[in-house]
């Protein structure tokens, strides 16, 4: 019984870690995309002037 609980706990914690890393990667990706977009926007405005 205790072993099963430990195994379950381990699965849950590893799942949480995976979820957290996915969130972190996704968030970082969004930030990078926004930076790229803002740079492109500035370049575009600079070229049109």
Protein backbone atom coordinates (compact mmCIF):
# COMPACT_ATOMS: atom_id res chain seq x y z
CA UNK A 1 0.00 0.00 0.00
CA UNK A 2 2.75 2.43 0.98
CA UNK A 3 4.74 1.52 -2.12
CA UNK A 4 1.74 2.24 -4.32
CA UNK A 5 1.28 5.61 -2.65
CA UNK A 6 4.93 6.45 -3.16
CA UNK A 7 4.72 5.45 -6.79
CA UNK A 8 1.58 7.54 -7.28
CA UNK A 9 3.25 10.49 -5.56
CA UNK A 10 6.28 10.12 -7.80
CA UNK A 11 4.09 10.04 -10.92
CA UNK A 12 2.19 13.13 -9.81
CA UNK A 13 5.35 15.08 -9.02
CA UNK A 14 7.01 14.14 -12.30
CA UNK A 15 3.82 15.16 -14.11
CA UNK A 16 3.89 18.51 -12.28
CA UNK A 17 7.52 19.03 -13.28
CA UNK A 18 6.72 18.23 -16.92
CA UNK A 19 3.75 20.60 -16.83
CA UNK A 20 5.86 23.35 -15.30
CA UNK A 21 8.63 22.95 -17.87
CA UNK A 22 6.08 23.02 -20.70
CA UNK A 23 4.59 26.21 -19.27
CA UNK A 24 8.04 27.76 -18.94
CA UNK A 25 9.00 26.86 -22.51
CA UNK A 26 5.68 28.16 -23.83
CA UNK A 27 5.98 31.42 -21.89
CA UNK A 28 9.56 31.92 -23.05
CA UNK A 29 8.49 31.24 -26.63
CA UNK A 30 5.78 33.90 -26.36
CA UNK A 31 8.25 36.47 -25.02
CA UNK A 32 10.71 35.72 -27.83
CA UNK A 33 7.95 36.00 -30.42
CA UNK A 34 6.84 39.36 -29.04
CA UNK A 35 10.41 40.66 -29.11
CA UNK A 36 10.83 39.53 -32.72
CA UNK A 37 7.52 41.15 -33.65
CA UNK A 38 8.43 44.44 -31.99
CA UNK A 39 11.82 44.47 -33.72
CA UNK A 40 10.17 43.78 -37.09
CA UNK A 41 7.64 46.52 -36.41
CA UNK A 42 10.37 49.05 -35.60
CA UNK A 43 12.32 48.06 -38.72
CA UNK A 44 9.19 48.33 -40.82
CA UNK A 45 8.38 51.80 -39.49
CA UNK A 46 11.98 52.88 -39.97
CA UNK A 47 11.92 51.72 -43.59
CA UNK A 48 8.63 53.40 -44.42
CA UNK A 49 9.72 56.80 -43.14
